[in-house]
Amino acid sequence: MQPRRKFVQQMAFSTAAITLGNPLIAAINRQPQKLRLGFIGTGLRGQAHLAMSLNRTDVEVAAICDIDARMLQMAGELIKKSGKTRPQVFTGDPYAYRKMLESAKLDAVVISTPWEWHTPMILDSIAAGQKYIATEVVLGITLEDHWEVVRAAEKSNAQVMMLENACYRRDILAVLNMIRQGLFGEIIHLQGGYQHDLRGVKFNDGVTPYNSGVEFGEKGFSEAKWRTQHSIHRNGDLYPTHDVGPLAMLIDINRGNRFVSLNSFASKARGLHNYIVKKGGADHPNAKQLFKLGDVVTTQLSCANGETIFLQHDTNLPRPYSLGFRVQGTNGIWMNLNNGIYIEGVSKYDHERWDDAAEWFKKYDHPLWKKWGEEATKTGHDGIDFFVLHAFIEAAKRGEPTPMDVYDAAAWSAITPLSESSIALGNETVDFPDFTSGKWMHRPNQFAKGALY
């Protein structure tokens, strides 16, 4: 294993499978530039990004890297099916990605690996001279991880974009459109949560990725191989970006507003143990495993402009999926749990009844969805996977700032270590760092301002 310091010095001295049904429409195809992409990580999430990239005529998949032979084989089948030229393949040890960064002559890098690898891989990519780096959530593990990435990106003028697809949900972008047109008035309070039964993801039979057994770690497959370890050793909001990312964009976080403070609470931990006993039996060896992560973790945030945000992390108990969004202002409210909107003086009913949100969203559908919706819905997660990767690729092609930047990635992802600290301190309120170092006061919010990306 080559120490990162030596690798950085060397760099300083050296100059799923899903596929789109049809090629992207002409607006993309007219772009003359082909972006040379490299993929670090070809697991199930990486394969989703790979499949979409293979279907674009403005992208060349130049290199892929993984240490898992099965994942590489699956990625190879996607490439073969696409009819595209086979890229360089890097494998063999956990740091094979460094060889890819050294030799592949890439325009941009997409990182889809276990969480603990994101920070070192981003830093190594920046050290290798990469200017456009996309990473799956989250940005880092410790608070210092986040500061390291911010400092490195600033020093090298590198664009680091976290691939937070929930920011492109159709309902979220419609609400953003409504907020910008003043329908909700001044925003007062927001809520969201990563409320998703992940028991069948954290455990499997070592062969099938979902809902197939109670193994994890070395005996697990895909996310069960690494993600479950975080539930054993950590207690906090481990996955805050799906809920806080969209909310942050609605109230201009890092662009005229910022998070100021945070406190968190965690319930007792029962869900993962009970799942093992139910599926594998009380005598299964994993039934002896203790889990630190509380089944429900709640976090409150205060903002510089006076808004409050309430977040929930709920992944260990039986429940249907929901991000539980709520946006409340001086003129009205949207709640996605009941698919309802109420705008005072405008809604068809009085304050005792909700309007169907679908009617409002049809009227205020965002230009991005009007333009790209048909193509987007052929991809994963109801189309939002298309939008987030499309935004990264289009920004990289043009040499422009990514619509979500390193400050966003740091602020959204830092909720995890801050929540861990708050819980460990007996639910104390902790200060939220300003990763922009004051730049938030004069940065405009250009996110999703038009229909291009």
Protein backbone atom coordinates (compact mmCIF):
# COMPACT_ATOMS: atom_id res chain seq x y z
CA MET A 1 0.00 0.00 0.00
CA GLN A 2 1.56 3.23 -1.13
CA PRO A 3 1.21 6.09 1.38
CA ARG A 4 -0.85 8.97 0.04
CA ARG A 5 1.93 11.47 0.79
CA LYS A 6 4.32 9.64 -1.53
CA PHE A 7 1.60 9.37 -4.16
CA VAL A 8 0.86 13.10 -3.96
CA GLN A 9 4.55 13.89 -4.32
CA GLN A 10 4.82 11.66 -7.36
CA MET A 11 1.79 13.35 -8.89
CA ALA A 12 3.25 16.79 -8.22
CA PHE A 13 6.39 15.86 -10.05
CA SER A 14 4.69 14.09 -12.90
CA THR A 15 3.09 16.58 -15.05
CA ALA A 16 -26.70 -1.98 -12.69
CA ALA A 17 -27.39 -2.52 -14.27
CA ILE A 18 -29.58 -0.05 -16.13
CA THR A 19 -29.44 1.21 -19.67
CA LEU A 20 -31.26 3.94 -21.53
CA GLY A 21 -33.61 2.72 -24.21
CA ASN A 22 -32.57 5.30 -26.82
CA PRO A 23 -29.70 7.72 -27.43
CA LEU A 24 -30.07 11.09 -25.77
CA ILE A 25 -31.91 13.64 -27.79
CA ALA A 26 -30.28 16.00 -30.23
CA ALA A 27 -29.49 18.83 -27.84
CA ILE A 28 -26.81 16.69 -26.25
CA ASN A 29 -25.69 15.00 -29.44
CA ARG A 30 -24.88 18.35 -31.04
CA GLN A 31 -22.14 18.98 -28.47
CA PRO A 32 -18.83 18.48 -30.29
CA GLN A 33 -16.68 17.60 -27.31
CA LYS A 34 -16.28 14.04 -26.05
CA LEU A 35 -15.59 13.86 -22.35
CA ARG A 36 -13.12 11.15 -21.33
CA LEU A 37 -14.57 9.65 -18.15
CA GLY A 38 -12.91 7.36 -15.64
CA PHE A 39 -14.90 5.29 -13.15
CA ILE A 40 -13.48 4.41 -9.74
CA GLY A 41 -15.83 1.73 -8.48
CA THR A 42 -18.03 -0.43 -10.71
CA GLY A 43 -20.37 -1.82 -8.08
CA LEU A 44 -24.11 -1.62 -8.55
CA ARG A 45 -24.17 2.16 -8.13
CA GLY A 46 -21.15 2.65 -10.33
CA GLN A 47 -22.74 0.47 -12.99
CA ALA A 48 -25.78 2.75 -13.04
CA HIS A 49 -23.58 5.75 -13.84
CA LEU A 50 -21.57 3.67 -16.30
CA ALA A 51 -24.69 2.53 -18.18
CA MET A 52 -25.95 6.09 -18.62
CA SER A 53 -22.53 7.29 -19.73
CA LEU A 54 -22.22 4.51 -22.30
CA ASN A 55 -25.48 5.63 -23.85
CA ARG A 56 -24.25 9.18 -24.44
CA THR A 57 -22.52 10.19 -27.65
CA ASP A 58 -20.66 13.01 -25.91
CA VAL A 59 -18.84 10.68 -23.49
CA GLU A 60 -16.00 8.23 -23.91
CA VAL A 61 -15.66 5.73 -21.09
CA ALA A 62 -11.88 5.72 -21.05
CA ALA A 63 -11.08 3.72 -17.91
CA ILE A 64 -12.71 1.72 -15.14
CA CYS A 65 -11.28 0.52 -11.83
CA ASP A 66 -12.44 -1.98 -9.23
CA ILE A 67 -10.94 -4.70 -7.06
CA ASP A 68 -14.02 -6.93 -7.18
CA ALA A 69 -13.80 -9.36 -10.11
CA ARG A 70 -17.55 -9.97 -10.16
CA MET A 71 -18.33 -6.24 -10.39
CA LEU A 72 -15.75 -5.76 -13.13
CA GLN A 73 -17.29 -8.62 -15.05
CA MET A 74 -20.76 -7.07 -14.76
CA ALA A 75 -19.38 -3.72 -15.88
CA GLY A 76 -17.65 -5.43 -18.81
CA GLU A 77 -20.94 -6.94 -19.93
CA LEU A 78 -22.53 -3.47 -19.93
CA ILE A 79 -19.71 -2.13 -22.06
CA LYS A 80 -19.87 -5.05 -24.48
CA LYS A 81 -23.64 -4.68 -24.83
CA SER A 82 -23.24 -0.97 -25.61
CA GLY A 83 -20.94 -1.69 -28.54
CA LYS A 84 -18.46 0.90 -27.30
CA THR A 85 -14.69 0.46 -27.24
CA ARG A 86 -13.42 -1.46 -24.23
CA PRO A 87 -11.81 0.98 -21.78
CA GLN A 88 -8.59 0.48 -19.86
CA VAL A 89 -9.21 -1.69 -16.81
CA PHE A 90 -7.36 -1.18 -13.55
CA THR A 91 -7.53 -3.71 -10.73
CA GLY A 92 -5.38 -5.84 -8.45
CA ASP A 93 -5.13 -3.85 -5.21
CA PRO A 94 -7.07 -1.16 -3.31
CA TYR A 95 -4.86 1.58 -4.76
CA ALA A 96 -5.10 0.52 -8.40
CA TYR A 97 -7.18 3.66 -8.98
CA ARG A 98 -3.98 5.70 -8.55
CA LYS A 99 -2.49 4.01 -11.59
CA MET A 100 -5.63 4.94 -13.49
CA LEU A 101 -5.28 8.57 -12.42
CA GLU A 102 -1.63 8.60 -13.49
CA SER A 103 -1.97 7.07 -16.93
CA ALA A 104 -5.50 7.27 -18.34
CA LYS A 105 -5.55 10.95 -19.44
CA LEU A 106 -9.03 11.61 -18.13
CA ASP A 107 -11.21 14.72 -18.32
CA ALA A 108 -13.34 13.76 -15.33
CA VAL A 109 -13.68 11.06 -12.68
CA VAL A 110 -16.76 9.40 -11.14
CA ILE A 111 -16.27 7.78 -7.71
CA SER A 112 -18.76 5.12 -6.56
CA THR A 113 -17.06 3.25 -3.74
CA PRO A 114 -17.65 2.58 -0.01
CA TRP A 115 -17.99 5.77 2.02
CA GLU A 116 -14.63 5.54 3.77
CA TRP A 117 -12.83 5.67 0.42
CA HIS A 118 -14.45 8.86 -0.88
CA THR A 119 -12.16 11.38 0.80
CA PRO A 120 -8.84 9.68 -0.07
CA MET A 121 -9.96 9.06 -3.65
CA ILE A 122 -11.07 12.67 -4.10
CA LEU A 123 -7.80 13.97 -2.64
CA ASP A 124 -5.75 11.64 -4.82
CA SER A 125 -7.74 12.68 -7.89
CA ILE A 126 -7.07 16.36 -7.14
CA ALA A 127 -3.38 15.59 -6.56
CA ALA A 128 -3.29 13.86 -9.94
CA GLY A 129 -4.51 17.05 -11.61
CA GLN A 130 -8.18 16.17 -12.09
CA LYS A 131 -10.39 19.26 -12.25
CA TYR A 132 -13.80 17.54 -12.36
CA ILE A 133 -14.57 14.91 -9.75
CA ALA A 134 -18.01 13.45 -9.04
CA THR A 135 -18.48 11.39 -5.92
CA GLU A 136 -21.35 9.36 -4.61
CA VAL A 137 -22.62 10.40 -1.21
CA VAL A 138 -21.20 10.92 1.39
CA LEU A 139 -18.13 13.20 1.15
CA GLY A 140 -16.21 11.91 4.17
CA ILE A 141 -16.32 10.22 7.56
CA THR A 142 -14.79 12.74 9.97
CA LEU A 143 -15.28 16.48 10.09
CA GLU A 144 -11.62 16.92 9.15
CA ASP A 145 -12.21 14.81 6.02
CA HIS A 146 -14.63 17.48 4.84
CA TRP A 147 -12.21 20.32 5.53
CA GLU A 148 -9.41 18.47 3.72
CA VAL A 149 -11.49 18.12 0.57
CA VAL A 150 -12.62 21.75 0.67
CA ARG A 151 -9.06 23.03 1.10
CA ALA A 152 -7.69 20.79 -1.65
CA ALA A 153 -10.45 21.78 -4.07
CA GLU A 154 -9.93 25.48 -3.38
CA LYS A 155 -6.15 25.24 -3.75
CA SER A 156 -6.33 23.41 -7.08
CA ASN A 157 -9.49 25.11 -8.39
CA ALA A 158 -11.07 21.67 -8.76
CA GLN A 159 -14.80 21.05 -9.10
CA VAL A 160 -15.96 18.40 -6.60
CA MET A 161 -19.64 17.53 -7.03
CA MET A 162 -21.50 15.08 -4.84
CA LEU A 163 -24.00 13.12 -6.94
CA GLU A 164 -27.02 13.93 -4.80
CA ASN A 165 -29.80 12.90 -7.14
CA ALA A 166 -32.67 13.85 -4.81
CA CYS A 167 -32.05 17.53 -5.60
CA TYR A 168 -33.54 16.77 -9.03
CA ARG A 169 -36.77 15.15 -7.89
CA ARG A 170 -39.66 16.44 -9.96
CA ASP A 171 -41.63 17.56 -6.91
CA ILE A 172 -38.61 19.27 -5.35
CA LEU A 173 -37.85 21.24 -8.51
CA ALA A 174 -41.51 22.22 -8.84
CA VAL A 175 -41.48 23.47 -5.24
CA LEU A 176 -38.24 25.35 -5.97
CA ASN A 177 -40.02 26.95 -8.92
CA MET A 178 -42.93 27.91 -6.67
CA ILE A 179 -40.64 29.34 -3.98
CA ARG A 180 -38.80 31.48 -6.53
CA GLN A 181 -42.16 32.82 -7.71
CA GLY A 182 -43.12 33.70 -4.13
CA LEU A 183 -46.06 31.33 -3.66
CA PHE A 184 -45.01 30.08 -0.23
CA GLY A 185 -44.01 33.53 1.01
CA GLU A 186 -41.01 33.61 3.32
CA ILE A 187 -39.83 30.10 4.20
CA ILE A 188 -39.98 29.37 7.93
CA HIS A 189 -39.51 25.64 8.51
CA LEU A 190 -38.51 22.54 6.54
CA GLN A 191 -38.45 18.80 7.21
CA GLY A 192 -37.08 15.72 5.53
CA GLY A 193 -35.72 12.31 6.31
CA TYR A 194 -33.93 9.31 4.95
CA GLN A 195 -36.73 6.94 5.94
CA HIS A 196 -35.95 3.72 4.13
CA ASP A 197 -36.00 0.13 5.38
CA LEU A 198 -32.43 -0.95 4.62
CA ARG A 199 -32.39 -4.19 6.58
CA GLY A 200 -32.43 -6.17 3.34
CA VAL A 201 -29.53 -4.05 2.05
CA LYS A 202 -27.37 -4.24 5.16
CA PHE A 203 -27.71 -8.04 5.19
CA ASN A 204 -27.82 -10.62 2.40
CA ASP A 205 -26.70 -14.14 1.54
CA GLY A 206 -23.36 -13.09 0.05
CA VAL A 207 -24.61 -13.75 -3.49
CA THR A 208 -27.77 -11.69 -4.04
CA PRO A 209 -27.64 -8.02 -3.07
CA TYR A 210 -31.07 -7.51 -1.53
CA ASN A 211 -33.42 -9.27 0.91
CA SER A 212 -31.67 -12.63 0.77
CA GLY A 213 -30.04 -13.43 4.09
CA VAL A 214 -28.41 -12.13 7.27
CA GLU A 215 -24.71 -12.04 6.36
CA PHE A 216 -22.56 -8.91 6.29
CA GLY A 217 -18.90 -7.96 6.16
CA GLU A 218 -16.64 -10.44 4.41
CA LYS A 219 -19.55 -12.87 4.02
CA GLY A 220 -21.82 -10.21 2.53
CA PHE A 221 -22.17 -8.96 -1.04
CA SER A 222 -22.33 -5.42 -2.40
CA GLU A 223 -23.36 -2.89 0.29
CA ALA A 224 -23.68 -5.56 2.97
CA LYS A 225 -19.93 -6.07 2.64
CA TRP A 226 -19.13 -2.56 3.96
CA ARG A 227 -22.19 -0.45 4.80
CA THR A 228 -23.34 -2.50 7.78
CA GLN A 229 -20.07 -1.82 9.61
CA HIS A 230 -21.12 1.80 10.01
CA SER A 231 -24.26 0.69 11.87
CA ILE A 232 -22.09 -1.34 14.22
CA HIS A 233 -19.61 1.37 15.11
CA ARG A 234 -21.38 4.71 14.64
CA ASN A 235 -24.43 6.49 16.08
CA GLY A 236 -25.68 9.49 14.14
CA ASP A 237 -27.46 10.55 10.98
CA LEU A 238 -25.39 8.37 8.67
CA TYR A 239 -27.07 9.39 5.41
CA PRO A 240 -28.40 12.96 5.55
CA THR A 241 -27.88 14.22 2.02
CA HIS A 242 -30.99 12.83 0.31
CA ASP A 243 -33.16 14.92 2.60
CA VAL A 244 -31.03 17.95 3.46
CA GLY A 245 -29.59 18.50 -0.03
CA PRO A 246 -32.91 19.40 -1.69
CA LEU A 247 -33.98 21.46 1.33
CA ALA A 248 -30.68 23.35 1.31
CA MET A 249 -31.19 24.39 -2.29
CA LEU A 250 -34.70 25.64 -1.51
CA ILE A 251 -33.39 28.11 1.10
CA ASP A 252 -30.08 29.14 -0.51
CA ILE A 253 -27.65 27.36 1.82
CA ASN A 254 -24.09 28.44 0.97
CA ARG A 255 -25.66 31.10 -1.28
CA GLY A 256 -26.96 33.84 0.98
CA ASN A 257 -27.73 31.51 3.88
CA ARG A 258 -25.94 28.84 5.89
CA PHE A 259 -26.35 26.24 8.62
CA VAL A 260 -25.47 27.72 12.04
CA SER A 261 -26.01 24.98 14.63
CA LEU A 262 -27.15 21.38 15.05
CA ASN A 263 -28.33 18.96 17.69
CA SER A 264 -29.24 15.28 17.40
CA PHE A 265 -30.97 12.52 19.34
CA ALA A 266 -30.84 8.76 18.82
CA SER A 267 -33.33 6.12 19.92
CA LYS A 268 -32.36 2.70 21.21
CA ALA A 269 -31.11 0.11 18.71
CA ARG A 270 -33.31 -2.94 18.18
CA GLY A 271 -34.21 -3.27 14.50
CA LEU A 272 -31.09 -4.89 13.03
CA HIS A 273 -30.78 -7.48 15.82
CA ASN A 274 -34.45 -8.39 15.52
CA TYR A 275 -34.10 -8.77 11.75
CA ILE A 276 -31.22 -11.23 12.16
CA VAL A 277 -33.17 -13.29 14.68
CA LYS A 278 -36.30 -13.27 12.52
CA LYS A 279 -34.52 -14.23 9.29
CA GLY A 280 -31.62 -16.31 10.54
CA GLY A 281 -32.71 -17.59 13.94
CA ALA A 282 -31.66 -16.76 17.48
CA ASP A 283 -28.71 -19.15 17.21
CA HIS A 284 -27.21 -17.52 14.13
CA PRO A 285 -23.71 -16.18 14.95
CA ASN A 286 -24.68 -12.68 13.81
CA ALA A 287 -27.44 -12.58 16.44
CA LYS A 288 -24.68 -11.86 18.96
CA GLN A 289 -23.61 -8.71 17.13
CA LEU A 290 -24.28 -5.41 18.88
CA PHE A 291 -25.27 -2.35 16.87
CA LYS A 292 -24.50 1.21 17.95
CA LEU A 293 -26.75 3.05 15.47
CA GLY A 294 -30.05 4.11 16.98
CA ASP A 295 -33.04 2.95 14.98
CA VAL A 296 -34.36 6.51 14.62
CA VAL A 297 -32.00 9.48 14.70
CA THR A 298 -33.47 12.99 14.70
CA THR A 299 -31.53 16.17 13.96
CA GLN A 300 -32.43 19.84 14.19
CA LEU A 301 -30.61 22.57 12.28
CA SER A 302 -30.79 26.34 12.63
CA CYS A 303 -29.96 28.64 9.73
CA ALA A 304 -28.47 32.12 9.45
CA ASN A 305 -31.68 33.50 7.92
CA GLY A 306 -33.83 32.12 10.73
CA GLU A 307 -35.24 28.92 9.20
CA THR A 308 -35.32 25.66 11.14
CA ILE A 309 -34.85 22.19 9.63
CA PHE A 310 -35.85 18.85 11.13
CA LEU A 311 -34.25 15.65 9.75
CA GLN A 312 -34.89 11.97 10.47
CA HIS A 313 -32.69 8.96 9.76
CA ASP A 314 -34.78 5.78 9.95
CA THR A 315 -33.30 2.71 8.20
CA ASN A 316 -33.45 -0.19 10.68
CA LEU A 317 -37.18 -0.75 11.18
CA PRO A 318 -40.01 -2.01 8.92
CA ARG A 319 -41.52 0.88 6.98
CA PRO A 320 -42.33 2.05 3.43
CA TYR A 321 -39.88 4.44 1.79
CA SER A 322 -40.37 8.17 2.23
CA LEU A 323 -38.18 11.26 2.41
CA GLY A 324 -40.95 12.99 4.35
CA PHE A 325 -40.50 16.45 2.88
CA ARG A 326 -42.25 19.46 4.37
CA VAL A 327 -41.77 23.06 3.26
CA GLN A 328 -43.65 25.71 5.24
CA GLY A 329 -43.75 29.45 4.65
CA THR A 330 -45.74 32.50 5.63
CA ASN A 331 -48.21 31.88 2.78
CA GLY A 332 -48.55 28.10 2.72
CA ILE A 333 -47.18 24.62 3.06
CA TRP A 334 -46.27 21.49 1.06
CA MET A 335 -46.08 18.02 2.60
CA ASN A 336 -45.19 15.07 0.42
CA LEU A 337 -46.43 12.41 2.85
CA ASN A 338 -50.03 13.36 2.07
CA ASN A 339 -49.23 14.77 -1.38
CA GLY A 340 -50.80 18.03 -0.27
CA ILE A 341 -50.30 21.75 -0.80
CA TYR A 342 -52.12 24.66 0.81
CA ILE A 343 -51.56 28.28 -0.29
CA GLU A 344 -53.58 30.78 1.72
CA GLY A 345 -56.00 32.79 -0.39
CA VAL A 346 -55.18 30.78 -3.51
CA SER A 347 -56.02 27.12 -2.76
CA LYS A 348 -59.46 25.95 -3.81
CA TYR A 349 -60.34 24.88 -0.25
CA ASP A 350 -60.09 26.63 3.09
CA HIS A 351 -57.40 25.78 5.64
CA GLU A 352 -59.22 22.62 6.70
CA ARG A 353 -58.44 20.78 3.45
CA TRP A 354 -55.42 20.18 1.23
CA ASP A 355 -55.11 20.71 -2.50
CA ASP A 356 -53.75 17.76 -4.46
CA ALA A 357 -50.08 18.65 -4.94
CA ALA A 358 -50.06 17.01 -8.37
CA GLU A 359 -52.21 19.82 -9.75
CA TRP A 360 -49.75 22.45 -8.54
CA PHE A 361 -46.73 20.50 -9.75
CA LYS A 362 -48.21 20.20 -13.22
CA LYS A 363 -48.64 23.97 -13.36
CA TYR A 364 -45.19 24.74 -11.92
CA ASP A 365 -43.23 21.88 -13.47
CA HIS A 366 -39.59 22.90 -13.69
CA PRO A 367 -38.04 23.64 -17.11
CA LEU A 368 -35.49 20.87 -16.59
CA TRP A 369 -38.23 18.28 -16.30
CA LYS A 370 -40.18 19.77 -19.19
CA LYS A 371 -37.14 19.45 -21.42
CA TRP A 372 -35.54 16.19 -20.27
CA GLY A 373 -38.32 14.34 -18.47
CA GLU A 374 -39.07 11.82 -21.20
CA GLU A 375 -35.45 10.71 -21.45
CA ALA A 376 -34.81 10.94 -17.71
CA THR A 377 -37.61 8.58 -16.71
CA LYS A 378 -35.89 5.77 -18.62
CA THR A 379 -33.12 5.81 -16.00
CA GLY A 380 -32.89 4.91 -12.33
CA HIS A 381 -34.68 6.38 -9.31
CA ASP A 382 -37.57 7.75 -11.39
CA GLY A 383 -35.28 9.83 -13.57
CA ILE A 384 -33.24 11.74 -11.04
CA ASP A 385 -30.13 9.65 -11.77
CA PHE A 386 -30.16 11.10 -15.28
CA PHE A 387 -30.29 14.69 -14.12
CA VAL A 388 -27.45 14.56 -11.60
CA LEU A 389 -24.99 12.81 -13.93
CA HIS A 390 -26.11 14.98 -16.85
CA ALA A 391 -25.37 18.11 -14.82
CA PHE A 392 -21.88 16.93 -13.95
CA ILE A 393 -21.03 15.94 -17.52
CA GLU A 394 -22.40 19.14 -19.05
CA ALA A 395 -20.49 21.34 -16.58
CA ALA A 396 -17.26 19.40 -17.21
CA LYS A 397 -17.67 19.63 -20.99
CA ARG A 398 -18.05 23.39 -20.79
CA GLY A 399 -15.39 23.99 -18.17
CA GLU A 400 -18.01 25.61 -15.94
CA PRO A 401 -18.68 25.28 -12.19
CA THR A 402 -20.80 22.28 -11.27
CA PRO A 403 -24.30 23.22 -10.08
CA MET A 404 -23.64 21.55 -6.74
CA ASP A 405 -20.13 22.24 -5.52
CA VAL A 406 -17.64 21.22 -2.85
CA TYR A 407 -19.19 23.57 -0.29
CA ASP A 408 -22.56 21.89 -0.75
CA ALA A 409 -21.00 18.44 -0.50
CA ALA A 410 -19.20 19.38 2.71
CA ALA A 411 -22.14 21.11 4.39
CA TRP A 412 -24.65 18.36 3.64
CA SER A 413 -22.33 15.47 4.46
CA ALA A 414 -20.82 17.03 7.61
CA ILE A 415 -24.18 16.56 9.32
CA THR A 416 -23.08 12.97 9.98
CA PRO A 417 -19.99 13.61 12.13
CA LEU A 418 -21.65 16.61 13.76
CA SER A 419 -24.68 14.52 14.70
CA GLU A 420 -22.38 11.85 16.11
CA SER A 421 -20.68 14.49 18.25
CA SER A 422 -23.98 15.93 19.46
CA ILE A 423 -25.31 12.53 20.50
CA ALA A 424 -22.04 11.57 22.20
CA LEU A 425 -22.14 14.86 24.15
CA GLY A 426 -25.62 14.12 25.51
CA ASN A 427 -27.54 15.80 22.68
CA GLU A 428 -25.70 19.10 22.99
CA THR A 429 -26.12 21.78 20.36
CA VAL A 430 -22.91 22.12 18.35
CA ASP A 431 -21.77 24.90 16.06
CA PHE A 432 -21.89 24.23 12.33
CA PRO A 433 -18.67 25.10 10.48
CA ASP A 434 -18.75 27.57 7.60
CA PHE A 435 -16.95 25.67 4.85
CA THR A 436 -17.23 28.71 2.55
CA SER A 437 -15.24 30.90 4.98
CA GLY A 438 -17.72 33.72 4.55
CA LYS A 439 -18.28 33.42 0.83
CA TRP A 440 -21.87 32.29 1.46
CA MET A 441 -22.84 35.92 2.10
CA HIS A 442 -22.41 37.00 -1.53
CA ARG A 443 -22.75 33.83 -3.64
CA PRO A 444 -25.94 33.75 -5.78
CA ASN A 445 -28.04 30.60 -6.04
CA GLN A 446 -27.79 29.52 -9.67
CA PHE A 447 -28.94 25.95 -9.09
CA ALA A 448 -31.51 24.81 -11.68
CA LYS A 449 -31.96 28.31 -13.05
CA GLY A 450 -32.56 27.09 -16.59
CA ALA A 451 -33.31 24.03 -18.68
CA LEU A 452 -29.80 23.06 -19.82
CA TYR A 453 -28.53 21.35 -16.66
